[in-house]
Amino acid sequence: MITFNVAGFLTDFTNGESRIVLDSKPTTVAQALDSLWQKYVGLRDRVVNERGQLRPHVNIFINDENVRHKELLDTQLPDTCEITILPAVSGGSGS
């Protein structure tokens, strides 16, 4: 079973859902994301660019491992895992 954890403002594009379980059994991160886009079309453009590449301000983790340290969206998935989509947080006051 693949479970997505969607964080931050991205839940605006998942009807407020932060935990989404997939019915399908994808073998790569890209396939899992494609299944997620089927349910939440508006989320896609916030996570990947027009060429389907991961946006620089978004991190995706398989369990505790960042896909940027693996094969990005081509990273193979185990049968059961949690995929966390985490937008970067910035701003605040310097004082």
Protein backbone atom coordinates (compact mmCIF):
# COMPACT_ATOMS: atom_id res chain seq x y z
CA MET A 1 0.00 0.00 0.00
CA ILE A 2 1.27 3.44 -0.95
CA THR A 3 0.23 6.34 1.26
CA PHE A 4 0.86 9.98 0.39
CA ASN A 5 1.40 12.62 3.06
CA VAL A 6 0.74 16.05 1.62
CA ALA A 7 2.00 19.00 3.65
CA GLY A 8 1.56 22.74 3.87
CA PHE A 9 -0.36 24.78 1.34
CA LEU A 10 -0.51 21.77 -1.00
CA THR A 11 -3.54 20.50 0.92
CA ASP A 12 -5.41 23.41 -0.71
CA PHE A 13 -5.30 21.24 -3.86
CA THR A 14 -6.36 17.96 -2.18
CA ASN A 15 -9.63 19.19 -0.68
CA GLY A 16 -7.84 19.57 2.65
CA GLU A 17 -6.71 15.94 2.76
CA SER A 18 -3.19 15.47 4.08
CA ARG A 19 -3.15 11.65 3.97
CA ILE A 20 -4.13 9.86 0.76
CA VAL A 21 -3.99 6.09 0.21
CA LEU A 22 -3.60 4.85 -3.37
CA ASP A 23 -5.68 1.99 -4.70
CA SER A 24 -3.11 1.22 -7.40
CA LYS A 25 0.33 -0.41 -7.00
CA PRO A 26 2.81 1.89 -8.75
CA THR A 27 6.43 0.83 -9.09
CA THR A 28 8.02 4.30 -9.34
CA VAL A 29 7.48 7.69 -7.76
CA ALA A 30 6.36 9.05 -11.16
CA GLN A 31 3.68 6.36 -11.47
CA ALA A 32 2.48 7.05 -7.93
CA LEU A 33 2.27 10.76 -8.68
CA ASP A 34 0.34 10.06 -11.89
CA SER A 35 -2.24 8.20 -9.79
CA LEU A 36 -2.38 11.13 -7.38
CA TRP A 37 -2.87 13.61 -10.25
CA GLN A 38 -5.89 11.57 -11.41
CA LYS A 39 -7.61 12.40 -8.11
CA TYR A 40 -6.23 15.90 -7.58
CA VAL A 41 -5.47 17.50 -10.94
CA GLY A 42 -4.56 20.93 -9.51
CA LEU A 43 -1.77 19.48 -7.38
CA ARG A 44 0.41 18.50 -10.36
CA ASP A 45 1.52 22.00 -11.35
CA ARG A 46 2.57 22.76 -7.77
CA VAL A 47 4.84 19.70 -7.55
CA VAL A 48 6.32 19.32 -11.05
CA ASN A 49 7.02 21.78 -13.86
CA GLU A 50 5.67 21.69 -17.42
CA ARG A 51 8.34 19.09 -18.37
CA GLY A 52 7.29 16.83 -15.51
CA GLN A 53 10.41 17.52 -13.44
CA LEU A 54 10.29 18.04 -9.69
CA ARG A 55 10.12 21.73 -8.82
CA PRO A 56 13.19 23.01 -6.92
CA HIS A 57 11.14 24.19 -3.91
CA VAL A 58 9.39 20.82 -3.41
CA ASN A 59 10.88 17.76 -1.75
CA ILE A 60 9.53 14.24 -2.01
CA PHE A 61 10.48 11.62 0.55
CA ILE A 62 9.98 7.86 0.36
CA ASN A 63 9.67 7.00 4.01
CA ASP A 64 12.65 9.06 5.32
CA GLU A 65 14.74 9.22 2.12
CA ASN A 66 14.67 12.26 -0.17
CA VAL A 67 14.26 11.24 -3.82
CA ARG A 68 16.83 13.91 -4.72
CA HIS A 69 19.43 11.52 -3.21
CA LYS A 70 18.10 8.66 -5.34
CA GLU A 71 16.74 8.60 -8.91
CA LEU A 72 14.26 11.48 -8.46
CA LEU A 73 10.87 10.55 -9.95
CA ASP A 74 12.29 7.32 -11.42
CA THR A 75 13.00 6.03 -7.91
CA GLN A 76 11.61 2.53 -7.43
CA LEU A 77 9.00 2.03 -4.72
CA PRO A 78 8.70 -0.86 -2.28
CA ASP A 79 5.28 -2.52 -2.08
CA THR A 80 4.44 -0.54 1.04
CA CYS A 81 5.71 2.95 1.81
CA GLU A 82 4.80 6.49 2.67
CA ILE A 83 5.53 9.24 0.17
CA THR A 84 5.68 12.71 1.66
CA ILE A 85 5.37 15.79 -0.55
CA LEU A 86 6.89 18.70 1.34
CA PRO A 87 7.05 22.25 -0.04
CA ALA A 88 9.95 24.38 1.14
CA VAL A 89 9.20 26.90 3.83
CA SER A 90 10.80 30.32 3.71
CA GLY A 91 10.30 33.80 4.98
CA GLY A 92 9.93 35.07 8.46
CA SER A 93 11.60 37.83 10.31
CA GLY A 94 15.30 38.19 10.88
CA SER A 95 14.78 39.70 14.30
